[in-house]
Protein backbone atom coordinates (compact mmCIF):
# COMPACT_ATOMS: atom_id res chain seq x y z
CA MET A 1 11.28 -34.00 25.95
CA ARG A 2 11.27 -30.88 28.13
CA HIS A 3 11.32 -27.44 26.53
CA LEU A 4 10.88 -23.87 27.75
CA ILE A 5 8.23 -22.22 25.59
CA ASP A 6 6.21 -20.46 28.30
CA PRO A 7 7.21 -19.56 31.88
CA THR A 8 4.55 -21.94 33.22
CA ASP A 9 6.30 -24.88 31.51
CA LEU A 10 8.39 -24.86 34.69
CA THR A 11 6.81 -25.51 38.07
CA VAL A 12 7.45 -23.01 40.85
CA GLU A 13 9.91 -25.48 42.37
CA GLU A 14 11.76 -25.99 39.07
CA THR A 15 11.93 -22.24 38.49
CA GLU A 16 13.40 -21.67 41.94
CA ARG A 17 15.94 -24.48 41.43
CA ILE A 18 17.13 -22.82 38.20
CA VAL A 19 17.43 -19.47 39.99
CA ALA A 20 19.34 -21.15 42.83
CA LEU A 21 21.65 -22.86 40.31
CA ALA A 22 22.30 -19.47 38.68
CA GLU A 23 23.27 -18.06 42.08
CA ASP A 24 25.66 -20.98 42.60
CA ILE A 25 27.21 -20.35 39.17
CA ILE A 26 27.76 -16.70 40.12
CA ALA A 27 29.50 -17.77 43.34
CA ASN A 28 31.49 -20.67 41.83
CA ARG A 29 32.14 -19.95 38.15
CA ALA A 30 35.19 -22.21 37.87
CA LYS A 31 33.12 -25.24 38.88
CA TYR A 32 31.02 -24.98 35.70
CA ARG A 33 33.71 -24.22 33.10
CA GLU A 34 33.42 -27.62 31.42
CA ALA A 35 29.85 -28.52 32.40
CA CYS A 36 28.74 -28.54 28.73
CA LYS A 37 31.95 -29.70 27.11
CA GLY A 38 31.14 -31.52 23.87
CA LYS A 39 27.65 -29.97 23.61
CA LYS A 40 26.43 -27.52 20.97
CA LEU A 41 23.82 -24.77 21.27
CA ALA A 42 22.09 -23.61 18.07
CA THR A 43 20.92 -19.98 18.23
CA LEU A 44 18.21 -19.47 15.59
CA PHE A 45 17.42 -15.76 15.60
CA TYR A 46 14.89 -14.70 12.98
CA GLU A 47 14.67 -11.26 14.59
CA PRO A 48 17.35 -8.76 15.72
CA SER A 49 18.74 -9.17 19.24
CA THR A 50 21.70 -7.92 21.25
CA ARG A 51 21.31 -9.02 24.88
CA THR A 52 19.43 -12.29 24.42
CA ARG A 53 21.54 -13.69 21.58
CA LEU A 54 24.88 -12.66 23.05
CA SER A 55 23.96 -13.82 26.54
CA PHE A 56 23.00 -17.26 25.20
CA THR A 57 26.29 -17.39 23.28
CA SER A 58 28.31 -16.24 26.28
CA ALA A 59 26.43 -18.66 28.56
CA MET A 60 27.25 -21.71 26.43
CA LEU A 61 30.87 -20.70 25.93
CA GLU A 62 31.37 -20.19 29.67
CA LEU A 63 29.95 -23.70 30.22
CA GLY A 64 32.61 -25.10 27.89
CA GLY A 65 30.22 -25.77 25.01
CA GLU A 66 30.07 -24.54 21.42
CA VAL A 67 27.61 -22.33 19.55
CA ILE A 68 26.30 -22.54 15.98
CA GLY A 69 23.37 -20.84 14.29
CA PHE A 70 22.36 -17.60 12.62
CA SER A 71 21.58 -14.06 13.70
CA ASP A 72 19.89 -13.10 10.45
CA ALA A 73 17.37 -15.46 8.87
CA SER A 74 18.16 -14.05 5.43
CA SER A 75 21.54 -15.80 5.57
CA SER A 76 19.88 -19.22 5.95
CA SER A 77 17.51 -21.37 3.90
CA VAL A 78 14.65 -19.55 5.58
CA SER A 79 15.12 -16.95 2.83
CA LYS A 80 14.26 -19.72 0.33
CA GLY A 81 11.01 -20.52 2.11
CA GLU A 82 12.10 -23.27 4.51
CA THR A 83 9.60 -23.73 7.33
CA VAL A 84 10.34 -23.69 11.06
CA ALA A 85 9.56 -27.42 11.26
CA ASP A 86 12.03 -28.32 8.51
CA THR A 87 14.69 -25.96 9.84
CA VAL A 88 14.74 -27.55 13.30
CA ARG A 89 14.71 -31.08 11.88
CA VAL A 90 17.91 -30.12 10.07
CA ILE A 91 19.44 -28.34 13.09
CA ARG A 92 18.88 -31.34 15.39
CA CYS A 93 21.48 -33.19 13.28
CA PHE A 94 24.13 -30.68 14.38
CA ALA A 95 23.15 -29.43 17.86
CA ASP A 96 22.07 -30.63 21.30
CA ILE A 97 19.80 -27.72 22.25
CA ILE A 98 18.12 -24.81 20.42
CA ALA A 99 17.43 -21.21 21.41
CA MET A 100 14.96 -19.62 18.99
CA ARG A 101 13.76 -16.05 18.55
CA HIS A 102 11.05 -15.50 15.97
CA PHE A 103 8.80 -12.63 14.90
CA LYS A 104 5.83 -15.01 14.54
CA GLU A 105 3.99 -15.90 17.72
CA GLY A 106 4.11 -19.62 18.41
CA ALA A 107 7.13 -20.46 16.24
CA PRO A 108 9.14 -21.98 19.15
CA LEU A 109 6.15 -24.19 20.03
CA VAL A 110 6.15 -25.50 16.46
CA ALA A 111 9.91 -26.07 16.75
CA SER A 112 9.43 -28.10 19.94
CA GLN A 113 7.07 -30.47 18.10
CA TYR A 114 9.72 -31.41 15.53
CA ALA A 115 13.18 -30.85 17.02
CA GLY A 116 13.69 -33.93 19.20
CA ILE A 117 16.09 -31.83 21.31
CA PRO A 118 15.28 -29.14 23.91
CA VAL A 119 13.93 -25.88 22.48
CA ILE A 120 14.13 -22.58 24.37
CA ASN A 121 11.81 -19.75 23.41
CA ALA A 122 14.05 -16.67 23.19
CA GLY A 123 11.05 -14.46 22.33
CA ASP A 124 8.19 -15.07 19.90
CA GLY A 125 6.60 -11.91 18.55
CA SER A 126 4.63 -10.11 21.25
CA HIS A 127 3.66 -13.37 22.94
CA ALA A 128 6.23 -14.62 25.47
CA HIS A 129 9.87 -14.33 26.55
CA PRO A 130 10.44 -16.91 29.31
CA THR A 131 14.22 -16.55 29.60
CA GLN A 132 13.78 -12.82 30.21
CA THR A 133 11.36 -13.86 32.95
CA LEU A 134 14.03 -16.06 34.52
CA THR A 135 16.44 -13.11 34.23
CA ASP A 136 13.90 -10.86 35.94
CA LEU A 137 13.28 -13.40 38.71
CA LEU A 138 16.99 -13.83 39.41
CA THR A 139 17.34 -10.04 39.56
CA ILE A 140 14.36 -9.71 41.90
CA LYS A 141 15.80 -12.44 44.15
CA ARG A 142 19.23 -10.80 44.28
CA GLU A 143 17.87 -7.28 44.76
CA LYS A 144 14.81 -7.90 46.96
CA GLY A 145 15.56 -11.30 48.48
CA ARG A 146 12.13 -12.80 47.73
CA PHE A 147 9.44 -13.41 45.10
CA ASP A 148 6.36 -12.93 47.28
CA HIS A 149 4.63 -9.93 48.90
CA LEU A 150 5.80 -7.39 46.35
CA THR A 151 4.11 -4.53 44.53
CA ILE A 152 5.29 -4.21 40.94
CA GLY A 153 4.34 -1.55 38.42
CA PHE A 154 4.52 -2.42 34.72
CA CYS A 155 4.79 0.76 32.68
CA GLY A 156 4.60 1.48 28.95
CA ASP A 157 3.80 -1.02 26.21
CA LEU A 158 1.76 -3.69 27.98
CA LYS A 159 -0.09 -4.73 24.82
CA PHE A 160 2.91 -6.00 22.85
CA GLY A 161 5.34 -6.36 25.78
CA ARG A 162 6.10 -10.10 25.83
CA THR A 163 8.40 -9.66 28.83
CA VAL A 164 5.49 -8.18 30.78
CA HIS A 165 3.14 -11.01 29.85
CA SER A 166 5.68 -13.65 30.87
CA LEU A 167 6.67 -12.06 34.19
CA ILE A 168 3.05 -11.55 35.24
CA LYS A 169 2.38 -15.25 34.59
CA ALA A 170 5.37 -16.25 36.71
CA LEU A 171 4.60 -13.90 39.62
CA SER A 172 0.91 -14.85 39.69
CA ARG A 173 1.94 -18.12 41.37
CA TYR A 174 3.27 -16.33 44.47
CA GLU A 175 1.45 -14.95 47.52
CA GLY A 176 0.95 -11.25 48.13
CA ILE A 177 1.72 -9.97 44.62
CA ARG A 178 0.13 -6.64 43.69
CA VAL A 179 0.41 -5.52 40.06
CA MET A 180 -0.05 -1.94 38.84
CA LEU A 181 -0.66 -1.70 35.09
CA ILE A 182 0.48 1.73 33.87
CA ALA A 183 -0.39 2.30 30.22
CA PRO A 184 -2.48 4.40 27.84
CA GLU A 185 -5.70 2.87 26.54
CA GLU A 186 -4.02 1.89 23.25
CA LEU A 187 -1.33 -0.13 25.04
CA ARG A 188 -3.40 -1.88 27.72
CA LEU A 189 -2.64 -5.48 28.60
CA PRO A 190 -4.40 -7.89 26.18
CA ASP A 191 -7.83 -9.11 27.23
CA TYR A 192 -6.70 -12.73 27.58
CA MET A 193 -4.06 -11.65 30.12
CA LEU A 194 -6.57 -9.57 32.08
CA GLN A 195 -8.90 -12.58 32.20
CA GLU A 196 -6.10 -14.79 33.46
CA MET A 197 -5.24 -12.23 36.14
CA ARG A 198 -8.86 -12.01 37.29
CA SER A 199 -8.94 -15.79 37.67
CA ALA A 200 -5.63 -15.90 39.58
CA SER A 201 -6.79 -15.87 43.18
CA LYS A 202 -3.33 -14.93 44.48
CA LEU A 203 -2.99 -11.85 42.30
CA GLU A 204 -4.29 -8.33 42.93
CA PHE A 205 -4.08 -5.79 40.10
CA ARG A 206 -5.13 -2.28 39.17
CA GLU A 207 -5.03 -0.31 35.91
CA VAL A 208 -3.87 3.32 36.05
CA ARG A 209 -2.86 5.95 33.51
CA THR A 210 0.14 7.64 35.21
CA MET A 211 3.12 6.29 37.11
CA GLU A 212 2.95 9.17 39.60
CA GLU A 213 -0.30 7.93 41.14
CA VAL A 214 1.24 4.58 42.20
CA MET A 215 4.96 5.40 42.53
CA PRO A 216 4.99 5.57 46.38
CA GLU A 217 3.55 2.03 46.58
CA LEU A 218 6.01 0.28 44.31
CA ASP A 219 8.75 -2.16 45.30
CA ILE A 220 9.64 -2.66 41.62
CA LEU A 221 9.06 -0.43 38.59
CA TYR A 222 9.28 -2.40 35.33
CA MET A 223 9.70 0.00 32.41
CA THR A 224 9.20 -1.01 28.77
CA ARG A 225 9.72 0.69 25.42
CA VAL A 226 6.94 1.22 22.92
CA GLN A 227 7.87 -1.26 20.18
CA LYS A 228 7.54 0.27 16.74
CA GLU A 229 8.14 -3.10 15.05
CA ARG A 230 4.92 -4.55 16.56
CA PHE A 231 2.59 -1.88 15.17
CA LEU A 232 0.72 -2.49 11.94
CA ASP A 233 -0.42 1.18 11.93
CA GLU A 234 2.41 3.76 12.07
CA GLU A 235 0.00 6.55 13.01
CA GLU A 236 -1.03 4.60 16.10
CA PHE A 237 2.65 4.23 17.06
CA ASP A 238 3.22 7.98 16.68
CA ARG A 239 0.32 8.70 19.04
CA VAL A 240 1.72 6.61 21.90
CA LYS A 241 5.52 6.52 21.42
CA ASN A 242 6.23 9.14 24.10
CA SER A 243 3.54 8.05 26.57
CA PHE A 244 5.82 7.53 29.56
CA VAL A 245 9.28 8.88 30.34
CA LEU A 246 10.96 8.15 33.68
CA ASP A 247 13.19 10.97 34.96
CA PRO A 248 14.64 11.85 38.40
CA GLY A 249 11.67 14.09 39.19
CA LYS A 250 9.22 11.19 38.96
CA LEU A 251 11.38 9.17 41.38
CA GLU A 252 11.12 11.73 44.19
CA THR A 253 8.12 9.94 45.74
CA ALA A 254 9.53 6.41 45.20
CA LYS A 255 10.76 4.19 48.01
CA GLU A 256 14.48 4.32 48.77
CA ASP A 257 14.77 0.57 48.15
CA MET A 258 12.57 0.38 45.05
CA ILE A 259 14.32 -1.09 42.02
CA ILE A 260 13.90 -0.12 38.36
CA LEU A 261 13.96 -2.93 35.81
CA HIS A 262 13.87 -2.77 32.01
CA PRO A 263 14.32 -5.65 29.53
CA LEU A 264 16.15 -3.22 27.17
CA PRO A 265 16.76 -1.81 24.65
CA ARG A 266 15.46 1.55 25.77
CA VAL A 267 14.72 4.47 23.50
CA ASN A 268 13.65 7.50 25.53
CA GLU A 269 11.47 5.98 28.27
CA ILE A 270 14.25 6.24 30.89
CA THR A 271 16.43 9.33 30.79
CA ARG A 272 20.20 8.96 31.16
CA ALA A 273 20.00 10.95 34.39
CA VAL A 274 18.35 7.93 36.04
CA ASP A 275 21.25 5.57 35.24
CA ASN A 276 23.35 6.58 38.25
CA ASP A 277 20.48 6.25 40.71
CA PRO A 278 21.25 3.19 42.90
CA ARG A 279 17.70 1.99 42.29
CA ALA A 280 18.43 1.58 38.56
CA ALA A 281 19.02 -2.18 38.27
CA TYR A 282 18.59 -2.70 34.53
CA PHE A 283 22.27 -3.15 33.67
CA ARG A 284 22.73 -5.54 36.61
CA GLN A 285 19.66 -7.29 35.19
CA VAL A 286 21.47 -7.81 31.86
CA GLU A 287 24.38 -9.62 33.49
CA ASN A 288 22.00 -11.81 35.48
CA GLY A 289 20.60 -12.96 32.14
CA LYS A 290 23.81 -14.74 31.24
CA PHE A 291 23.95 -16.65 34.51
CA VAL A 292 20.33 -17.74 34.48
CA ARG A 293 20.65 -18.91 30.87
CA MET A 294 23.70 -20.95 31.91
CA ALA A 295 21.55 -22.56 34.58
CA LEU A 296 18.70 -23.19 32.14
CA ILE A 297 20.93 -24.75 29.48
CA LEU A 298 22.48 -27.05 32.06
CA THR A 299 19.07 -28.05 33.43
CA LEU A 300 17.45 -28.78 30.06
CA LEU A 301 20.44 -30.80 28.86
CA ARG A 302 20.36 -32.88 32.06
CA TRP A 303 16.66 -33.52 31.57
CA ALA A 304 17.23 -34.35 27.89
CA ASP A 305 19.58 -37.16 28.83
CA GLU A 306 16.60 -38.83 30.53
CA ASN A 307 14.35 -38.60 27.44
CA LYS A 308 14.02 -40.82 24.40
CA PRO A 309 14.47 -39.16 20.99
CA PHE A 310 11.44 -38.68 18.76
CA GLU A 311 10.39 -41.60 16.58
CA LYS A 312 7.81 -39.58 14.65
CA THR A 313 6.69 -35.96 14.42
CA PRO A 314 4.91 -33.79 15.32
CA VAL A 315 4.87 -34.52 19.05
CA PHE A 316 2.36 -32.56 21.12
CA SER A 317 3.18 -31.93 24.77
CA GLU A 318 -0.48 -31.87 25.88
CA ASP A 319 -4.02 -32.46 24.70
CA TYR A 320 -5.29 -29.97 22.15
CA VAL A 321 -8.28 -29.40 19.93
CA VAL A 322 -6.56 -30.09 16.59
CA ASN A 323 -7.40 -28.62 13.17
CA GLU A 324 -11.04 -27.88 13.99
CA MET A 325 -10.84 -24.06 13.81
CA GLU A 326 -8.57 -21.17 12.81
CA CYS A 327 -6.68 -18.50 14.74
CA SER A 328 -7.78 -14.88 14.39
CA ASN A 329 -4.26 -13.43 14.88
CA ARG A 330 -2.34 -12.40 11.75
CA ARG A 331 0.92 -12.50 13.75
CA CYS A 332 0.48 -16.18 14.62
CA ILE A 333 2.73 -18.81 13.05
CA SER A 334 -0.41 -20.71 12.00
CA ALA A 335 -1.36 -17.81 9.72
CA THR A 336 1.67 -18.25 7.44
CA GLU A 337 3.04 -21.79 7.82
CA ASP A 338 1.51 -25.22 7.27
CA VAL A 339 1.20 -26.33 10.90
CA ASP A 340 -1.41 -28.20 12.88
CA ARG A 341 -3.91 -25.66 14.23
CA LEU A 342 -3.86 -26.27 17.97
CA PHE A 343 -6.33 -24.85 20.49
CA HIS A 344 -6.95 -25.02 24.22
CA ARG A 345 -10.58 -25.41 25.24
CA LEU A 346 -11.29 -23.20 28.25
CA PRO A 347 -13.73 -23.97 31.09
CA ASP A 348 -16.30 -21.57 29.60
CA GLY A 349 -16.29 -23.55 26.34
CA SER A 350 -14.35 -21.00 24.28
CA CYS A 351 -11.07 -21.86 22.55
CA ARG A 352 -7.74 -20.05 22.39
CA CYS A 353 -4.85 -20.69 20.04
CA ALA A 354 -2.06 -22.72 21.65
CA TYR A 355 0.56 -20.77 19.69
CA CYS A 356 -0.45 -17.18 20.49
CA GLU A 357 -3.46 -17.38 22.89
CA ALA A 358 -5.72 -15.44 20.52
CA LYS A 359 -9.39 -16.37 20.27
CA ALA A 360 -10.51 -18.85 17.65
CA LYS A 361 -12.38 -17.42 14.67
């Protein structure tokens, strides 16, 4: 059974086919109006969402399908203590595909082991957000015409920014990508991501502290908000919440054809005065999200028709070190639910959690 839990679950070729399908949907919407007739999408959102949840809903409705689910976990049996594994085993009786957002890192991976139907990670804590990555890639393709030989600056919360982590993973597979990491020390990219970037032979990156020092080089500026909900220490949040604010003055040295992306919502990191700049692509980016999710739903359902349903659970998609150690991350699903503790063994002999990529204890 194919799922989308991490951007690298799709090959480069599969990713590009989904983007191309999204472009065809944009050009020929009527052709797809009944493509998912008789199918149901379950949206399981344990965490607040506007764009992602509504774009999944809109995507399925425009494909002729139906949508069930919840937007507040407190209105479901989750409030009574039901686990992710049990929830998806129930949902599979009613739906053909699941989109899950969860505040615990790794929850969608757990869901994929028990669901027996395709599971889409719609954001798991600060870990990954692969459908936002597909949204970003479609936007980059439509705005810049290519995925390779680009310089992209990621600015703001790189520590907890799951959209940043996912897009870097996706772009690292293309030639000529230069990444500028613009963040204060407290919000630097996690060490595991920096290690992955150092080992990615195609990727060049640099860490800086101000956007002004790299602005003239950028083809894309990817802004992020500082996410209060990810901080365990409110004082730390207060120190960094106003670290970077993009205004028209900072854009004076930017290229005329640079584009500004943002996964939204924004707080104060982009001033309203920037919205009318033609380089501001973040609201066009939102609309692209609906079309690429239409393409993804269609693709996963087509692949699902070729798969046999589960006979027993859990089903692991790859080889893991199982139940031999514990994760060090308090935000990991393995810290609060009774799940198999899964780890990847790296070439250097160390192990990282399969759910959240934190080091083993």
